[in-house]
Protein backbone atom coordinates (compact mmCIF):
# COMPACT_ATOMS: atom_id res chain seq x y z
CA UNK A 1 31.01 -13.22 8.62
CA UNK A 2 30.41 -9.64 7.46
CA UNK A 3 31.83 -8.50 4.11
CA UNK A 4 33.24 -4.99 3.92
CA UNK A 5 32.73 -2.74 0.89
CA UNK A 6 35.64 -3.10 -1.50
CA UNK A 7 36.25 -6.76 -0.69
CA UNK A 8 37.04 -8.68 -3.89
CA UNK A 9 36.18 -12.38 -4.13
CA UNK A 10 36.95 -14.74 -7.02
CA UNK A 11 34.19 -17.27 -7.69
CA UNK A 12 34.45 -20.75 -9.17
CA UNK A 13 33.45 -19.47 -12.63
CA UNK A 14 36.66 -17.40 -12.67
CA UNK A 15 34.88 -14.07 -12.25
CA UNK A 16 35.81 -11.65 -9.47
CA UNK A 17 33.08 -9.72 -7.68
CA UNK A 18 33.63 -6.61 -5.57
CA UNK A 19 31.33 -6.00 -2.61
CA UNK A 20 29.49 -2.68 -2.84
CA UNK A 21 27.34 -2.79 0.25
CA UNK A 22 24.90 -4.65 2.50
CA UNK A 23 21.36 -5.29 1.16
CA UNK A 24 19.71 -7.32 3.88
CA UNK A 25 19.44 -10.66 5.63
CA UNK A 26 16.82 -13.33 6.14
CA UNK A 27 16.17 -17.02 6.44
CA UNK A 28 18.17 -17.76 3.29
CA UNK A 29 21.28 -15.88 4.35
CA UNK A 30 22.92 -12.47 4.24
CA UNK A 31 22.78 -10.51 0.97
CA UNK A 32 25.21 -7.96 -0.46
CA UNK A 33 25.28 -5.91 -3.62
CA UNK A 34 28.39 -6.78 -5.64
CA UNK A 35 29.89 -5.67 -8.94
CA UNK A 36 31.00 -8.18 -11.55
CA UNK A 37 34.44 -6.87 -12.54
CA UNK A 38 34.14 -8.52 -15.96
CA UNK A 39 30.87 -6.95 -17.17
CA UNK A 40 30.60 -4.10 -14.59
CA UNK A 41 27.03 -5.15 -13.77
CA UNK A 42 25.65 -5.46 -10.25
CA UNK A 43 24.58 -8.78 -8.75
CA UNK A 44 23.24 -10.17 -5.47
CA UNK A 45 25.95 -11.93 -3.45
CA UNK A 46 24.71 -14.25 -0.71
CA UNK A 47 26.34 -15.94 2.24
CA UNK A 48 24.66 -19.27 2.90
CA UNK A 49 23.45 -19.44 6.49
CA UNK A 50 21.84 -22.43 8.18
CA UNK A 51 22.34 -23.61 11.77
CA UNK A 52 21.63 -27.23 10.78
CA UNK A 53 24.72 -28.66 9.12
CA UNK A 54 22.89 -31.48 7.30
CA UNK A 55 20.39 -29.07 5.78
CA UNK A 56 23.19 -26.68 4.87
CA UNK A 57 24.91 -29.46 2.92
CA UNK A 58 21.64 -30.19 1.08
CA UNK A 59 21.41 -26.52 0.15
CA UNK A 60 24.98 -26.48 -1.14
CA UNK A 61 24.26 -29.53 -3.27
CA UNK A 62 21.08 -27.96 -4.60
CA UNK A 63 22.87 -24.72 -5.51
CA UNK A 64 25.51 -26.64 -7.47
CA UNK A 65 22.85 -28.74 -9.23
CA UNK A 66 20.83 -25.69 -10.28
CA UNK A 67 23.93 -24.08 -11.76
CA UNK A 68 24.71 -27.32 -13.60
CA UNK A 69 21.25 -27.35 -15.18
CA UNK A 70 21.76 -23.83 -16.53
CA UNK A 71 18.46 -23.08 -14.82
CA UNK A 72 18.69 -19.38 -15.56
CA UNK A 73 18.53 -20.09 -19.30
CA UNK A 74 15.86 -22.80 -19.15
CA UNK A 75 13.41 -21.02 -16.88
CA UNK A 76 13.95 -17.50 -18.14
CA UNK A 77 13.56 -18.57 -21.76
CA UNK A 78 10.00 -19.65 -20.91
CA UNK A 79 9.29 -16.80 -18.50
CA UNK A 80 10.57 -13.96 -20.69
CA UNK A 81 7.47 -13.65 -22.96
CA UNK A 82 5.40 -13.15 -19.79
CA UNK A 83 7.94 -10.68 -18.32
CA UNK A 84 8.81 -13.10 -15.53
CA UNK A 85 12.39 -13.65 -14.44
CA UNK A 86 13.88 -16.24 -12.09
CA UNK A 87 17.05 -15.53 -10.11
CA UNK A 88 18.98 -18.80 -9.88
CA UNK A 89 22.55 -19.18 -8.58
CA UNK A 90 25.13 -18.27 -11.22
CA UNK A 91 28.28 -19.36 -9.42
CA UNK A 92 29.51 -20.20 -5.93
CA UNK A 93 32.75 -20.36 -3.95
CA UNK A 94 34.13 -20.99 -0.48
CA UNK A 95 35.41 -17.89 1.31
CA UNK A 96 36.82 -17.86 4.83
CA UNK A 97 34.95 -21.05 5.69
CA UNK A 98 31.60 -19.89 4.31
CA UNK A 99 29.70 -20.75 1.13
CA UNK A 100 29.00 -17.74 -1.09
CA UNK A 101 26.99 -17.59 -4.29
CA UNK A 102 25.91 -14.89 -6.72
CA UNK A 103 22.56 -14.34 -8.43
CA UNK A 104 20.99 -11.78 -10.70
CA UNK A 105 20.00 -8.63 -8.82
CA UNK A 106 16.22 -8.32 -8.96
CA UNK A 107 14.49 -4.98 -9.50
CA UNK A 108 11.35 -3.47 -8.06
CA UNK A 109 9.90 -3.89 -4.58
CA UNK A 110 9.08 -7.04 -2.68
CA UNK A 111 5.46 -8.01 -2.36
CA UNK A 112 6.11 -7.91 1.38
CA UNK A 113 6.13 -4.10 1.28
CA UNK A 114 3.29 -3.88 -1.26
CA UNK A 115 1.11 -6.17 0.87
CA UNK A 116 1.56 -4.58 4.29
CA UNK A 117 -1.97 -4.83 5.78
CA UNK A 118 -2.01 -1.22 7.00
CA UNK A 119 0.38 0.77 4.82
CA UNK A 120 0.84 -1.39 1.72
CA UNK A 121 0.09 0.05 -1.70
CA UNK A 122 -2.27 -2.85 -2.45
CA UNK A 123 -5.08 -1.08 -0.57
CA UNK A 124 -5.10 1.70 -3.16
CA UNK A 125 -5.08 -0.67 -6.14
CA UNK A 126 -8.19 -1.66 -8.07
CA UNK A 127 -9.23 -5.19 -8.96
CA UNK A 128 -7.86 -4.88 -12.48
CA UNK A 129 -4.36 -4.34 -11.05
CA UNK A 130 -4.77 -7.28 -8.68
CA UNK A 131 -5.96 -9.62 -11.42
CA UNK A 132 -2.95 -8.70 -13.54
CA UNK A 133 -0.52 -9.23 -10.66
CA UNK A 134 -1.91 -12.59 -9.53
CA UNK A 135 -1.94 -13.85 -13.12
CA UNK A 136 1.81 -13.16 -13.28
CA UNK A 137 2.41 -14.95 -9.99
CA UNK A 138 0.35 -17.97 -11.07
CA UNK A 139 2.21 -18.04 -14.38
CA UNK A 140 5.56 -18.01 -12.56
CA UNK A 141 4.59 -21.08 -10.53
CA UNK A 142 3.07 -22.74 -13.62
CA UNK A 143 6.43 -22.52 -15.40
CA UNK A 144 8.14 -24.24 -12.46
CA UNK A 145 5.56 -27.04 -12.48
CA UNK A 146 5.91 -27.42 -16.23
CA UNK A 147 9.63 -28.10 -15.78
CA UNK A 148 9.08 -30.57 -12.95
CA UNK A 149 10.10 -28.26 -10.10
CA UNK A 150 8.58 -26.92 -6.92
CA UNK A 151 9.52 -23.64 -5.29
CA UNK A 152 8.79 -24.93 -1.73
CA UNK A 153 8.96 -21.49 -0.06
CA UNK A 154 6.36 -19.21 -1.66
CA UNK A 155 5.89 -16.05 0.41
CA UNK A 156 5.71 -12.26 0.01
CA UNK A 157 9.45 -11.77 0.32
CA UNK A 158 10.29 -14.07 -2.59
CA UNK A 159 8.60 -12.04 -5.30
CA UNK A 160 9.67 -8.61 -6.49
CA UNK A 161 7.53 -6.57 -8.85
CA UNK A 162 8.73 -3.64 -10.95
CA UNK A 163 5.51 -1.78 -11.65
CA UNK A 164 7.21 0.57 -14.09
CA UNK A 165 8.40 -2.19 -16.42
CA UNK A 166 5.81 -4.83 -15.44
CA UNK A 167 8.54 -7.41 -14.73
CA UNK A 168 7.99 -9.93 -11.94
CA UNK A 169 11.12 -11.41 -10.35
CA UNK A 170 11.04 -14.75 -8.54
CA UNK A 171 13.97 -14.52 -6.14
CA UNK A 172 15.71 -17.02 -3.84
CA UNK A 173 15.42 -19.73 -6.50
CA UNK A 174 18.17 -21.69 -4.78
CA UNK A 175 15.24 -23.32 -2.91
CA UNK A 176 13.79 -24.85 -6.07
CA UNK A 177 13.82 -28.66 -5.99
CA UNK A 178 12.67 -31.39 -8.35
CA UNK A 179 9.54 -33.32 -7.49
CA UNK A 180 11.63 -36.50 -7.44
CA UNK A 181 13.91 -35.08 -4.76
CA UNK A 182 10.90 -33.98 -2.73
CA UNK A 183 9.28 -37.42 -2.93
CA UNK A 184 12.54 -38.89 -1.66
CA UNK A 185 12.45 -36.51 1.32
CA UNK A 186 15.38 -34.37 0.18
CA UNK A 187 13.49 -31.07 0.32
CA UNK A 188 15.04 -28.73 2.90
CA UNK A 189 12.36 -26.01 3.11
CA UNK A 190 8.96 -26.45 4.79
CA UNK A 191 7.42 -23.11 3.92
CA UNK A 192 6.98 -19.78 5.61
CA UNK A 193 4.42 -18.33 8.01
CA UNK A 194 0.83 -18.91 6.97
CA UNK A 195 2.03 -19.79 3.48
CA UNK A 196 3.19 -23.12 4.89
CA UNK A 197 0.69 -25.76 3.81
CA UNK A 198 -1.30 -27.22 6.73
CA UNK A 199 -0.43 -30.82 5.80
CA UNK A 200 3.27 -29.89 5.94
CA UNK A 201 2.96 -28.09 9.28
CA UNK A 202 1.11 -31.08 10.76
CA UNK A 203 3.72 -33.53 9.45
CA UNK A 204 1.44 -35.29 6.97
CA UNK A 205 3.41 -34.51 3.79
CA UNK A 206 6.60 -32.97 2.46
CA UNK A 207 6.71 -29.50 0.95
CA UNK A 208 6.31 -29.87 -2.81
CA UNK A 209 3.83 -29.34 -5.62
CA UNK A 210 0.73 -29.60 -3.42
CA UNK A 211 2.22 -27.24 -0.84
CA UNK A 212 3.14 -24.78 -3.61
CA UNK A 213 -0.45 -24.89 -4.82
CA UNK A 214 -1.71 -24.11 -1.33
CA UNK A 215 0.70 -21.19 -0.94
CA UNK A 216 -0.24 -19.87 -4.39
CA UNK A 217 -3.96 -19.98 -3.58
CA UNK A 218 -3.30 -18.32 -0.22
CA UNK A 219 -1.27 -15.57 -1.89
CA UNK A 220 -3.94 -14.89 -4.53
CA UNK A 221 -6.65 -14.81 -1.85
CA UNK A 222 -4.74 -12.39 0.35
CA UNK A 223 -3.89 -10.09 -2.56
CA UNK A 224 -7.58 -9.86 -3.44
CA UNK A 225 -8.61 -9.09 0.16
CA UNK A 226 -5.79 -6.54 0.63
CA UNK A 227 -3.99 -8.89 3.03
CA UNK A 228 -6.50 -8.07 5.75
CA UNK A 229 -6.49 -11.62 7.15
CA UNK A 230 -3.57 -13.88 8.03
CA UNK A 231 -4.91 -16.91 6.20
CA UNK A 232 -8.06 -18.34 4.58
CA UNK A 233 -8.83 -19.91 7.98
CA UNK A 234 -8.56 -16.68 9.98
CA UNK A 235 -12.16 -16.69 11.18
CA UNK A 236 -14.30 -17.04 14.26
CA UNK A 237 -12.49 -20.09 15.62
CA UNK A 238 -9.02 -18.60 15.19
CA UNK A 239 -10.11 -15.36 16.86
CA UNK A 240 -11.40 -17.35 19.85
CA UNK A 241 -7.98 -18.94 20.43
CA UNK A 242 -6.14 -17.90 23.60
CA UNK A 243 -3.34 -16.31 21.53
CA UNK A 244 -2.90 -15.02 17.98
CA UNK A 245 -0.16 -17.20 16.51
CA UNK A 246 2.17 -16.03 13.76
CA UNK A 247 2.27 -19.07 11.49
CA UNK A 248 0.83 -22.46 10.65
CA UNK A 249 3.23 -24.18 13.05
CA UNK A 250 1.65 -22.10 15.80
CA UNK A 251 -1.78 -23.34 14.73
CA UNK A 252 -0.49 -26.91 14.97
CA UNK A 253 0.75 -26.24 18.49
CA UNK A 254 -2.63 -24.84 19.55
CA UNK A 255 -4.36 -27.92 18.16
CA UNK A 256 -1.86 -30.22 19.93
CA UNK A 257 -2.51 -28.34 23.20
CA UNK A 258 -6.27 -28.75 22.82
CA UNK A 259 -6.86 -25.01 22.35
CA UNK A 260 -8.39 -25.41 18.88
CA UNK A 261 -10.81 -27.99 17.53
CA UNK A 262 -11.05 -29.11 13.91
CA UNK A 263 -13.26 -26.14 12.99
CA UNK A 264 -10.11 -24.02 12.65
CA UNK A 265 -9.57 -25.66 9.24
CA UNK A 266 -12.90 -24.55 7.78
CA UNK A 267 -12.47 -21.93 5.05
CA UNK A 268 -14.05 -18.67 6.20
CA UNK A 269 -16.24 -18.64 3.07
CA UNK A 270 -17.23 -22.32 3.13
CA UNK A 271 -20.70 -22.57 1.62
CA UNK A 272 -22.13 -25.13 4.07
CA UNK A 273 -19.99 -25.03 7.22
CA UNK A 274 -20.13 -21.63 8.93
CA UNK A 275 -18.34 -22.49 12.18
CA UNK A 276 -15.32 -20.42 11.19
CA UNK A 277 -17.01 -17.64 9.24
CA UNK A 278 -16.47 -13.92 9.78
CA UNK A 279 -20.05 -12.92 8.95
CA UNK A 280 -21.08 -11.94 12.48
CA UNK A 281 -17.71 -11.76 14.22
CA UNK A 282 -17.69 -8.64 16.46
CA UNK A 283 -20.93 -7.50 14.80
CA UNK A 284 -22.22 -6.22 18.15
CA UNK A 285 -19.16 -4.12 18.94
CA UNK A 286 -20.11 -0.68 20.24
CA UNK A 287 -18.48 2.72 20.55
CA UNK A 288 -16.80 1.62 23.77
CA UNK A 289 -14.97 -1.10 21.84
CA UNK A 290 -13.09 0.82 19.12
CA UNK A 291 -10.58 -1.97 18.51
CA UNK A 292 -13.35 -4.48 17.90
CA UNK A 293 -15.14 -1.99 15.65
CA UNK A 294 -11.95 -1.64 13.65
CA UNK A 295 -11.75 -5.42 13.32
CA UNK A 296 -15.38 -5.49 12.19
CA UNK A 297 -14.63 -2.92 9.49
CA UNK A 298 -11.80 -5.18 8.32
CA UNK A 299 -14.15 -8.16 8.07
CA UNK A 300 -16.69 -6.08 6.15
CA UNK A 301 -13.99 -5.07 3.71
CA UNK A 302 -13.07 -8.72 3.14
CA UNK A 303 -16.71 -9.78 2.70
CA UNK A 304 -17.37 -6.95 0.30
CA UNK A 305 -14.41 -7.90 -1.88
CA UNK A 306 -15.29 -11.60 -1.75
CA UNK A 307 -18.84 -10.86 -2.90
CA UNK A 308 -17.46 -8.99 -5.90
CA UNK A 309 -15.24 -11.84 -7.12
CA UNK A 310 -15.98 -13.84 -10.24
CA UNK A 311 -17.69 -17.13 -9.35
CA UNK A 312 -14.96 -19.14 -11.09
CA UNK A 313 -12.42 -17.74 -8.64
CA UNK A 314 -14.64 -18.55 -5.67
CA UNK A 315 -14.94 -22.17 -6.81
CA UNK A 316 -11.15 -22.50 -6.99
CA UNK A 317 -10.65 -20.93 -3.56
CA UNK A 318 -13.13 -23.34 -1.99
CA UNK A 319 -11.38 -26.25 -3.68
CA UNK A 320 -7.96 -25.04 -2.53
CA UNK A 321 -8.92 -24.57 1.12
CA UNK A 322 -11.34 -27.46 1.67
CA UNK A 323 -10.34 -30.00 4.35
CA UNK A 324 -6.61 -29.14 4.25
CA UNK A 325 -5.52 -32.12 6.35
CA UNK A 326 -7.25 -34.74 4.20
CA UNK A 327 -5.05 -36.34 1.55
CA UNK A 328 -7.80 -36.43 -1.09
CA UNK A 329 -8.16 -32.67 -0.64
CA UNK A 330 -4.56 -31.48 -0.55
CA UNK A 331 -3.64 -33.69 -3.50
CA UNK A 332 -6.40 -32.11 -5.59
CA UNK A 333 -5.81 -28.40 -5.13
CA UNK A 334 -6.18 -26.20 -8.23
CA UNK A 335 -3.14 -26.18 -10.50
CA UNK A 336 -1.60 -22.85 -11.56
CA UNK A 337 -3.07 -23.16 -15.07
CA UNK A 338 -6.56 -23.34 -13.55
CA UNK A 339 -5.96 -20.05 -11.75
CA UNK A 340 -4.60 -18.50 -14.95
CA UNK A 341 -7.70 -19.55 -16.91
CA UNK A 342 -10.10 -18.24 -14.25
CA UNK A 343 -8.18 -14.98 -13.88
CA UNK A 344 -8.09 -14.40 -17.63
CA UNK A 345 -11.85 -14.96 -17.84
CA UNK A 346 -12.32 -12.44 -15.00
CA UNK A 347 -10.07 -9.96 -16.83
CA UNK A 348 -12.01 -10.52 -20.05
CA UNK A 349 -15.28 -9.98 -18.23
CA UNK A 350 -13.92 -6.76 -16.78
CA UNK A 351 -12.81 -5.51 -20.20
CA UNK A 352 -16.21 -6.26 -21.71
CA UNK A 353 -18.02 -4.39 -18.97
CA UNK A 354 -15.44 -1.61 -18.86
CA UNK A 355 -14.95 -1.86 -15.14
CA UNK A 356 -14.05 -4.19 -12.32
CA UNK A 357 -16.11 -3.77 -9.18
CA UNK A 358 -14.33 -4.08 -5.90
CA UNK A 359 -17.48 -3.67 -3.83
CA UNK A 360 -20.95 -5.13 -3.88
CA UNK A 361 -23.53 -2.40 -3.30
CA UNK A 362 -27.28 -2.86 -3.43
CA UNK A 363 -28.23 -3.38 -7.10
CA UNK A 364 -30.90 -0.75 -7.79
CA UNK A 365 -33.27 1.86 -6.41
CA UNK A 366 -31.82 1.47 -2.98
CA UNK A 367 -31.34 3.82 -0.12
CA UNK A 368 -30.15 3.64 3.41
CA UNK A 369 -29.69 5.88 6.42
CA UNK A 370 -26.70 5.35 8.63
CA UNK A 371 -26.82 1.57 8.63
CA UNK A 372 -24.82 0.26 11.56
CA UNK A 373 -25.56 -3.42 10.97
CA UNK A 374 -23.27 -3.58 7.92
CA UNK A 375 -26.12 -4.34 5.57
CA UNK A 376 -25.68 -4.49 1.76
CA UNK A 377 -26.38 -0.76 1.58
CA UNK A 378 -22.91 -0.17 3.02
CA UNK A 379 -23.71 2.82 5.14
CA UNK A 380 -26.33 4.41 2.94
CA UNK A 381 -24.70 3.65 -0.41
CA UNK A 382 -26.79 2.70 -3.42
CA UNK A 383 -26.13 1.99 -7.09
CA UNK A 384 -28.90 3.05 -9.50
CA UNK A 385 -31.41 5.84 -9.05
CA UNK A 386 -30.87 5.66 -5.34
CA UNK A 387 -29.85 7.92 -2.54
CA UNK A 388 -28.26 7.39 0.79
CA UNK A 389 -27.58 9.34 3.93
CA UNK A 390 -25.03 8.42 6.55
CA UNK A 391 -23.83 10.27 9.63
CA UNK A 392 -20.54 8.43 9.47
CA UNK A 393 -19.05 5.89 7.16
CA UNK A 394 -18.50 2.39 8.63
CA UNK A 395 -15.45 1.76 6.48
CA UNK A 396 -11.96 3.01 7.07
CA UNK A 397 -10.42 4.82 4.11
CA UNK A 398 -11.60 2.29 1.54
CA UNK A 399 -12.10 3.03 -2.18
CA UNK A 400 -15.75 1.95 -2.26
CA UNK A 401 -19.24 3.36 -2.52
CA UNK A 402 -19.54 4.55 1.04
CA UNK A 403 -21.27 6.95 3.34
CA UNK A 404 -24.16 8.13 1.21
CA UNK A 405 -22.45 7.67 -2.15
CA UNK A 406 -24.45 6.73 -5.21
CA UNK A 407 -23.56 5.85 -8.78
CA UNK A 408 -26.22 6.66 -11.40
CA UNK A 409 -28.70 9.54 -11.21
CA UNK A 410 -28.41 9.46 -7.46
CA UNK A 411 -27.45 11.69 -4.63
CA UNK A 412 -25.94 11.26 -1.24
CA UNK A 413 -25.26 13.32 1.81
CA UNK A 414 -22.69 12.73 4.50
CA UNK A 415 -21.74 14.91 7.43
CA UNK A 416 -18.08 14.12 6.96
CA UNK A 417 -15.89 12.78 4.23
CA UNK A 418 -14.23 9.59 5.56
CA UNK A 419 -12.13 9.07 2.46
CA UNK A 420 -8.85 10.79 1.85
CA UNK A 421 -7.20 11.05 -1.55
CA UNK A 422 -8.85 7.96 -2.99
CA UNK A 423 -9.65 7.99 -6.71
CA UNK A 424 -13.23 6.68 -6.68
CA UNK A 425 -16.69 8.00 -5.82
CA UNK A 426 -15.04 9.88 -3.04
CA UNK A 427 -16.74 10.52 0.23
CA UNK A 428 -20.33 10.69 1.26
CA UNK A 429 -22.40 12.47 -1.32
CA UNK A 430 -20.41 11.51 -4.40
CA UNK A 431 -22.37 10.89 -7.57
CA UNK A 432 -21.33 9.03 -10.70
CA UNK A 433 -23.28 9.68 -13.92
CA UNK A 434 -25.61 12.66 -13.65
CA UNK A 435 -25.24 12.36 -9.93
CA UNK A 436 -24.82 15.05 -7.36
CA UNK A 437 -23.27 15.01 -3.97
CA UNK A 438 -22.83 17.11 -0.91
CA UNK A 439 -19.96 16.74 1.52
CA UNK A 440 -19.76 18.51 4.82
CA UNK A 441 -16.24 17.84 6.09
CA UNK A 442 -15.55 18.00 9.78
CA UNK A 443 -12.48 20.08 9.00
CA UNK A 444 -13.56 23.39 7.39
CA UNK A 445 -10.15 23.58 5.69
CA UNK A 446 -10.70 20.28 3.88
CA UNK A 447 -11.70 20.71 0.25
CA UNK A 448 -14.92 19.15 -0.94
CA UNK A 449 -14.43 16.45 -3.51
CA UNK A 450 -16.52 16.09 -6.66
């Protein structure tokens, strides 16, 4: 049922809203921008959509219950000091046989656009930005847990971040359910994509607190690695599958069909089990296999970022992703407060050192010449008193020490500058303190960078 601009609808709270225009549609329904004719403010107006009538009735009941709890006041009172806002249903009504409800209109952009693996802004952000963002997300889920609720559908599209004001909006909060309801099997959302917890996809548990904790860990992991992998299990075994599936339900189907063995569930950075690692995946790709070389560059990017992470974060990731189908594992995933503590320690460490490294170059007096085996020199890069030479940089537009770059008292030479408009040690031949660099761009019109 489409709503035309200018349509006025009176809701059960006695307030009339006038439709301004279409905003979008998704799994939770169709969304319009509407003006409250009492306060002249704009709100999100949703039409509840669900093909399963029983589940639709559960959603209606949940919407009414959340309004009855004055959830907007309770949650936002706690979230406000952290600049976190939750958009719960404010009122609902029946209109032409459909259930409509209004919510606060969130500001900013969805993490879905920020986290696009190829074009998303996250690839240009430093680790300090990422730590700040994931702390907000963890805090948002921690508040829900504190009040006995689970979100049940954590994914990129359900968070909006206004970078200018630093406010994080948790949207689609009509999904929020109490842990009691979830234990009684009254949860109506399983999860989304690879954010769906494995135990939920495989029918071992309901979506709830443990599934939220999995999705939170997955989200933090993918923010850190620039969303370059689909999941923490996207390693050698998953790449050997006959097809690349789009979600955890697809993984379940491949397992049921005998196309995947249990090694699919090994975290790619498991310390002892390397069956699903990405360390040597496509390492032998040659110039005749450009797509595989591109994949290899992606894996190197992920490894480099992982190596730079604070050890406390690595411990939590390994705890979160260990043996996901075993009850003793999925019931003991890190809580949001554990992530907050580890992130704050990482932020404090960064402040004390004055920087946050997003790469892991060779520590000192190193040098390299056109390394093609993706060694720690990263294509001729070195850190202290070193030099490096590289004919071409093995990384693809990444803000790292690459292609003959060096940091302190060093020099580097590169035949071409593989980096474009990135704000760090740019190009081959960039030097940090007392360093010098030479760049010979392939394009004579391209300006050399300092």
